[in-house]
Every structure is written in C-alpha cells, then in structure tokens.
Amino acid sequence: MFFRELKRAILLEINTNFPAKVIWLSEDNAMASVQPQFIRKLKDGEKVKQTPIYKIPVAMHCRKDIQINSLVVCTAMQRSMDNLSGERLIDPDSTRLFSDNDSVVMGVIL
C-alpha cells in the first residue's frame, strides 16, 4: 500500500498533457493564459482549482481557432523553455522539469 501511494503522489506531480480553459489571449493569439481544468485533492480531502498558467505559447496551427473560453489541450515541456529561441539548444542542466509554467497550447477542443 505504501509504494502504491508513493507512486501515485509522484505521478500527480508530473505535468504532461492537460485540458485548460483560455482566460486571456494576446492580440495576435500567439500567447494565452489558461486555467487548468483538473481539480487537485489535498491530503485533508479538500478539492482546489489549480493556479492559472500565464502567458504560454500557442502552437501556430491553433491560432486561428482559439478564443477566450476555448477548451484547449496543453502540453508541459520536459525542461525549462526560458532560453527557447529556435536557434539555440536548451541547456541540459535546467532544474525545472515538466513544469506547467513551461506549457504550450497544442490543440483547441471547443
């Protein structure tokens, strides 16, 4: 039982793909702020909304369809995207792994 709970706790902290609602868009639809739709359950059983994620990139193929209140799919990158420029490789010593702050809107559902 201990190892099952430990595994579950670890997996709940790894961000991969998640649904989110768009709460803000830049004028050119290249950046969005989103509210993740998965609710977290604290140890005491209390259910809480996740914190919004501010100003993340929107994939080019989504920009014509995305709007405020759209339901989207976001993907958390393996490492920090702080130095992402399209020209440089990303430093392997990044300490941030699978952070929701390094997410990208990858698709529009509704």
N, C-alpha and C. Protein backbone atom coordinates (compact mmCIF):
# COMPACT_ATOMS: atom_id res chain seq x y z
N MET A 1 0.82 -1.20 0.00
CA MET A 1 0.00 0.00 0.00
C MET A 1 0.87 1.27 0.00
N PHE A 2 1.95 1.27 0.78
CA PHE A 2 2.84 2.43 0.85
C PHE A 2 3.39 2.78 -0.52
N PHE A 3 3.91 1.78 -1.23
CA PHE A 3 4.52 2.05 -2.53
C PHE A 3 3.48 2.50 -3.57
N ARG A 4 2.29 1.98 -3.49
CA ARG A 4 1.22 2.41 -4.39
C ARG A 4 0.91 3.89 -4.18
N GLU A 5 0.82 4.29 -2.91
CA GLU A 5 0.54 5.69 -2.60
C GLU A 5 1.71 6.59 -2.97
N LEU A 6 2.94 6.12 -2.76
CA LEU A 6 4.13 6.89 -3.13
C LEU A 6 4.16 7.10 -4.64
N LYS A 7 3.91 6.04 -5.39
CA LYS A 7 3.88 6.12 -6.85
C LYS A 7 2.81 7.12 -7.30
N ARG A 8 1.63 7.03 -6.72
CA ARG A 8 0.54 7.94 -7.08
C ARG A 8 0.91 9.39 -6.79
N ALA A 9 1.53 9.64 -5.63
CA ALA A 9 1.93 11.00 -5.25
C ALA A 9 2.95 11.56 -6.24
N ILE A 10 3.90 10.73 -6.65
CA ILE A 10 4.91 11.18 -7.61
C ILE A 10 4.28 11.47 -8.96
N LEU A 11 3.44 10.57 -9.43
CA LEU A 11 2.80 10.76 -10.74
C LEU A 11 1.91 12.00 -10.77
N LEU A 12 1.25 12.32 -9.66
CA LEU A 12 0.39 13.51 -9.62
C LEU A 12 1.17 14.81 -9.72
N GLU A 13 2.46 14.76 -9.46
CA GLU A 13 3.29 15.96 -9.54
C GLU A 13 3.96 16.14 -10.90
N ILE A 14 3.82 15.15 -11.78
CA ILE A 14 4.41 15.25 -13.11
C ILE A 14 3.37 15.79 -14.07
N ASN A 15 3.65 16.92 -14.67
CA ASN A 15 2.73 17.52 -15.63
C ASN A 15 3.03 16.97 -17.02
N THR A 16 2.00 16.52 -17.70
CA THR A 16 2.15 16.05 -19.08
C THR A 16 1.17 16.83 -19.94
N ASN A 17 0.08 16.22 -20.35
CA ASN A 17 -0.97 16.89 -21.11
C ASN A 17 -2.15 17.15 -20.20
N PHE A 18 -2.82 18.28 -20.40
CA PHE A 18 -3.97 18.59 -19.55
C PHE A 18 -4.93 19.52 -20.27
N PRO A 19 -6.23 19.39 -19.97
CA PRO A 19 -7.21 20.32 -20.54
C PRO A 19 -7.19 21.63 -19.76
N ALA A 20 -7.46 22.72 -20.46
CA ALA A 20 -7.49 24.03 -19.82
C ALA A 20 -8.47 24.94 -20.54
N LYS A 21 -8.93 25.95 -19.82
CA LYS A 21 -9.83 26.96 -20.39
C LYS A 21 -9.02 28.24 -20.60
N VAL A 22 -9.17 28.85 -21.77
CA VAL A 22 -8.44 30.08 -22.09
C VAL A 22 -9.08 31.26 -21.34
N ILE A 23 -8.27 31.98 -20.56
CA ILE A 23 -8.77 33.13 -19.81
C ILE A 23 -8.20 34.46 -20.31
N TRP A 24 -7.18 34.41 -21.18
CA TRP A 24 -6.60 35.62 -21.76
C TRP A 24 -5.90 35.23 -23.05
N LEU A 25 -5.91 36.13 -24.03
CA LEU A 25 -5.20 35.94 -25.29
C LEU A 25 -4.49 37.22 -25.68
N SER A 26 -3.29 37.09 -26.25
CA SER A 26 -2.61 38.25 -26.81
C SER A 26 -3.35 38.67 -28.09
N GLU A 27 -3.08 39.85 -28.57
CA GLU A 27 -3.77 40.37 -29.75
C GLU A 27 -3.58 39.49 -30.99
N ASP A 28 -2.39 38.88 -31.11
CA ASP A 28 -2.12 38.04 -32.28
C ASP A 28 -2.38 36.55 -32.02
N ASN A 29 -2.95 36.22 -30.86
CA ASN A 29 -3.27 34.84 -30.45
C ASN A 29 -2.04 33.95 -30.32
N ALA A 30 -0.85 34.54 -30.20
CA ALA A 30 0.38 33.77 -30.07
C ALA A 30 0.65 33.34 -28.63
N MET A 31 0.04 34.02 -27.66
CA MET A 31 0.22 33.71 -26.24
C MET A 31 -1.16 33.64 -25.58
N ALA A 32 -1.26 32.76 -24.59
CA ALA A 32 -2.52 32.61 -23.87
C ALA A 32 -2.25 32.38 -22.38
N SER A 33 -3.20 32.78 -21.57
CA SER A 33 -3.22 32.39 -20.16
C SER A 33 -4.38 31.42 -20.02
N VAL A 34 -4.15 30.35 -19.26
CA VAL A 34 -5.14 29.28 -19.18
C VAL A 34 -5.41 28.87 -17.73
N GLN A 35 -6.61 28.35 -17.51
CA GLN A 35 -7.00 27.77 -16.22
C GLN A 35 -7.07 26.26 -16.40
N PRO A 36 -6.12 25.49 -15.82
CA PRO A 36 -6.20 24.03 -15.92
C PRO A 36 -7.54 23.53 -15.37
N GLN A 37 -8.08 22.51 -16.00
CA GLN A 37 -9.41 22.02 -15.63
C GLN A 37 -9.38 20.85 -14.65
N PHE A 38 -8.21 20.26 -14.41
CA PHE A 38 -8.14 19.19 -13.41
C PHE A 38 -8.13 19.81 -12.03
N ILE A 39 -8.98 19.31 -11.15
CA ILE A 39 -9.03 19.78 -9.76
C ILE A 39 -8.07 18.92 -8.95
N ARG A 40 -7.37 19.55 -8.01
CA ARG A 40 -6.46 18.81 -7.12
C ARG A 40 -7.17 18.51 -5.82
N LYS A 41 -6.82 17.37 -5.24
CA LYS A 41 -7.37 16.97 -3.95
C LYS A 41 -6.24 16.99 -2.93
N LEU A 42 -6.35 17.83 -1.92
CA LEU A 42 -5.32 17.93 -0.90
C LEU A 42 -5.38 16.73 0.05
N LYS A 43 -4.35 16.57 0.86
CA LYS A 43 -4.28 15.43 1.78
C LYS A 43 -5.48 15.37 2.72
N ASP A 44 -6.00 16.54 3.10
CA ASP A 44 -7.14 16.57 4.02
C ASP A 44 -8.47 16.33 3.30
N GLY A 45 -8.41 16.09 1.99
CA GLY A 45 -9.61 15.82 1.21
C GLY A 45 -10.21 17.04 0.54
N GLU A 46 -9.71 18.23 0.87
CA GLU A 46 -10.24 19.45 0.25
C GLU A 46 -9.88 19.47 -1.24
N LYS A 47 -10.84 19.88 -2.07
CA LYS A 47 -10.63 19.98 -3.51
C LYS A 47 -10.40 21.44 -3.87
N VAL A 48 -9.35 21.69 -4.66
CA VAL A 48 -8.99 23.06 -5.04
C VAL A 48 -8.68 23.14 -6.53
N LYS A 49 -8.96 24.32 -7.11
CA LYS A 49 -8.59 24.57 -8.50
C LYS A 49 -7.08 24.77 -8.57
N GLN A 50 -6.50 24.39 -9.69
CA GLN A 50 -5.09 24.67 -9.90
C GLN A 50 -4.91 26.15 -10.21
N THR A 51 -3.72 26.64 -9.99
CA THR A 51 -3.39 28.02 -10.29
C THR A 51 -3.38 28.24 -11.80
N PRO A 52 -3.90 29.38 -12.28
CA PRO A 52 -3.81 29.67 -13.72
C PRO A 52 -2.35 29.70 -14.18
N ILE A 53 -2.15 29.42 -15.45
CA ILE A 53 -0.81 29.48 -16.05
C ILE A 53 -0.83 30.65 -17.01
N TYR A 54 0.10 31.58 -16.80
CA TYR A 54 0.07 32.85 -17.52
C TYR A 54 1.05 32.89 -18.70
N LYS A 55 0.56 33.43 -19.80
CA LYS A 55 1.35 33.76 -20.99
C LYS A 55 2.21 32.61 -21.49
N ILE A 56 1.54 31.56 -21.95
CA ILE A 56 2.24 30.44 -22.57
C ILE A 56 2.04 30.50 -24.09
N PRO A 57 2.97 29.95 -24.86
CA PRO A 57 2.84 29.99 -26.31
C PRO A 57 1.66 29.16 -26.81
N VAL A 58 1.10 29.60 -27.92
CA VAL A 58 0.03 28.87 -28.61
C VAL A 58 0.62 28.36 -29.92
N ALA A 59 0.49 27.06 -30.17
CA ALA A 59 1.00 26.48 -31.42
C ALA A 59 0.37 27.20 -32.62
N MET A 60 1.14 27.39 -33.66
CA MET A 60 0.68 28.17 -34.82
C MET A 60 -0.61 27.62 -35.42
N HIS A 61 -0.77 26.30 -35.45
CA HIS A 61 -1.95 25.73 -36.08
C HIS A 61 -3.23 25.95 -35.25
N CYS A 62 -3.09 26.44 -34.02
CA CYS A 62 -4.26 26.69 -33.15
C CYS A 62 -4.72 28.14 -33.17
N ARG A 63 -3.89 29.02 -33.66
CA ARG A 63 -4.13 30.46 -33.51
C ARG A 63 -5.39 30.97 -34.22
N LYS A 64 -5.79 30.32 -35.30
CA LYS A 64 -6.99 30.81 -35.99
C LYS A 64 -8.27 30.37 -35.30
N ASP A 65 -8.21 29.31 -34.50
CA ASP A 65 -9.41 28.77 -33.86
C ASP A 65 -9.56 29.16 -32.38
N ILE A 66 -8.47 29.57 -31.74
CA ILE A 66 -8.51 29.81 -30.30
C ILE A 66 -9.21 31.13 -29.98
N GLN A 67 -9.93 31.14 -28.87
CA GLN A 67 -10.57 32.37 -28.38
C GLN A 67 -10.75 32.26 -26.87
N ILE A 68 -11.11 33.36 -26.24
CA ILE A 68 -11.38 33.36 -24.80
C ILE A 68 -12.47 32.32 -24.52
N ASN A 69 -12.32 31.55 -23.47
CA ASN A 69 -13.22 30.47 -23.03
C ASN A 69 -13.09 29.20 -23.87
N SER A 70 -12.19 29.14 -24.84
CA SER A 70 -11.96 27.90 -25.57
C SER A 70 -11.44 26.84 -24.60
N LEU A 71 -11.81 25.60 -24.83
CA LEU A 71 -11.22 24.47 -24.12
C LEU A 71 -10.07 23.99 -24.97
N VAL A 72 -8.88 23.93 -24.39
CA VAL A 72 -7.67 23.59 -25.14
C VAL A 72 -6.92 22.45 -24.46
N VAL A 73 -6.01 21.84 -25.21
CA VAL A 73 -5.10 20.85 -24.66
C VAL A 73 -3.73 21.50 -24.57
N CYS A 74 -3.13 21.44 -23.38
CA CYS A 74 -1.79 21.98 -23.17
C CYS A 74 -0.83 20.84 -22.90
N THR A 75 0.41 21.04 -23.27
CA THR A 75 1.47 20.07 -23.04
C THR A 75 2.58 20.74 -22.26
N ALA A 76 3.01 20.10 -21.17
CA ALA A 76 4.14 20.61 -20.38
C ALA A 76 5.43 20.06 -20.98
N MET A 77 6.37 20.93 -21.26
CA MET A 77 7.64 20.51 -21.84
C MET A 77 8.51 19.80 -20.81
N GLN A 78 9.44 18.97 -21.26
CA GLN A 78 10.31 18.22 -20.35
C GLN A 78 11.20 19.13 -19.53
N ARG A 79 11.64 20.23 -20.11
CA ARG A 79 12.57 21.14 -19.42
C ARG A 79 12.12 22.57 -19.59
N SER A 80 12.82 23.46 -18.90
CA SER A 80 12.52 24.89 -18.95
C SER A 80 12.62 25.40 -20.39
N MET A 81 11.68 26.26 -20.76
CA MET A 81 11.70 26.87 -22.09
C MET A 81 12.21 28.31 -22.01
N ASP A 82 12.85 28.69 -20.90
CA ASP A 82 13.32 30.06 -20.72
C ASP A 82 14.25 30.53 -21.82
N ASN A 83 15.10 29.65 -22.33
CA ASN A 83 16.08 30.03 -23.35
C ASN A 83 15.68 29.59 -24.75
N LEU A 84 14.42 29.25 -24.94
CA LEU A 84 13.98 28.78 -26.25
C LEU A 84 13.94 29.94 -27.23
N SER A 85 14.71 29.80 -28.31
CA SER A 85 14.75 30.86 -29.31
C SER A 85 14.60 30.31 -30.72
N GLY A 86 14.64 28.99 -30.87
CA GLY A 86 14.59 28.41 -32.20
C GLY A 86 15.95 28.24 -32.81
N GLU A 87 16.97 28.84 -32.19
CA GLU A 87 18.33 28.76 -32.73
C GLU A 87 19.28 28.02 -31.80
N ARG A 88 19.06 28.14 -30.50
CA ARG A 88 19.95 27.51 -29.53
C ARG A 88 19.34 26.24 -28.98
N LEU A 89 20.19 25.32 -28.60
CA LEU A 89 19.74 24.12 -27.92
C LEU A 89 19.48 24.47 -26.46
N ILE A 90 18.60 23.73 -25.81
CA ILE A 90 18.26 24.03 -24.43
C ILE A 90 19.23 23.33 -23.49
N ASP A 91 19.70 24.07 -22.50
CA ASP A 91 20.68 23.60 -21.53
C ASP A 91 20.18 22.37 -20.79
N PRO A 92 20.95 21.27 -20.80
CA PRO A 92 20.51 20.05 -20.11
C PRO A 92 20.56 20.18 -18.58
N ASP A 93 21.18 21.23 -18.06
CA ASP A 93 21.27 21.41 -16.62
C ASP A 93 20.08 22.15 -16.04
N SER A 94 19.06 22.34 -16.83
CA SER A 94 17.86 23.00 -16.34
C SER A 94 17.31 22.24 -15.13
N THR A 95 16.98 22.97 -14.09
CA THR A 95 16.47 22.31 -12.88
C THR A 95 14.96 22.13 -12.94
N ARG A 96 14.28 22.85 -13.83
CA ARG A 96 12.83 22.74 -13.94
C ARG A 96 12.47 21.63 -14.91
N LEU A 97 11.72 20.64 -14.44
CA LEU A 97 11.32 19.52 -15.28
C LEU A 97 9.81 19.38 -15.26
N PHE A 98 9.19 19.26 -16.42
CA PHE A 98 7.75 19.04 -16.56
C PHE A 98 6.92 20.06 -15.76
N SER A 99 7.36 21.31 -15.75
CA SER A 99 6.64 22.36 -15.04
C SER A 99 5.47 22.84 -15.89
N ASP A 100 4.33 23.08 -15.26
CA ASP A 100 3.20 23.61 -16.05
C ASP A 100 3.50 25.01 -16.56
N ASN A 101 4.49 25.70 -15.97
CA ASN A 101 4.87 27.02 -16.47
C ASN A 101 5.62 26.94 -17.80
N ASP A 102 6.01 25.75 -18.19
CA ASP A 102 6.68 25.53 -19.48
C ASP A 102 5.74 24.80 -20.44
N SER A 103 4.48 25.19 -20.41
CA SER A 103 3.47 24.55 -21.24
C SER A 103 3.28 25.29 -22.56
N VAL A 104 2.67 24.58 -23.51
CA VAL A 104 2.33 25.13 -24.81
C VAL A 104 0.90 24.67 -25.12
N VAL A 105 0.07 25.58 -25.64
CA VAL A 105 -1.25 25.18 -26.11
C VAL A 105 -1.06 24.42 -27.42
N MET A 106 -1.47 23.16 -27.45
CA MET A 106 -1.23 22.31 -28.60
C MET A 106 -2.48 22.00 -29.44
N GLY A 107 -3.66 22.28 -28.86
CA GLY A 107 -4.87 21.98 -29.61
C GLY A 107 -6.07 22.68 -29.03
N VAL A 108 -7.06 22.95 -29.87
CA VAL A 108 -8.31 23.54 -29.46
C VAL A 108 -9.37 22.45 -29.54
N ILE A 109 -10.06 22.18 -28.41
CA ILE A 109 -11.09 21.16 -28.39
C ILE A 109 -12.44 21.77 -28.71
N LEU A 110 -12.80 22.83 -28.00
CA LEU A 110 -14.09 23.52 -28.19
C LEU A 110 -13.88 25.01 -28.27
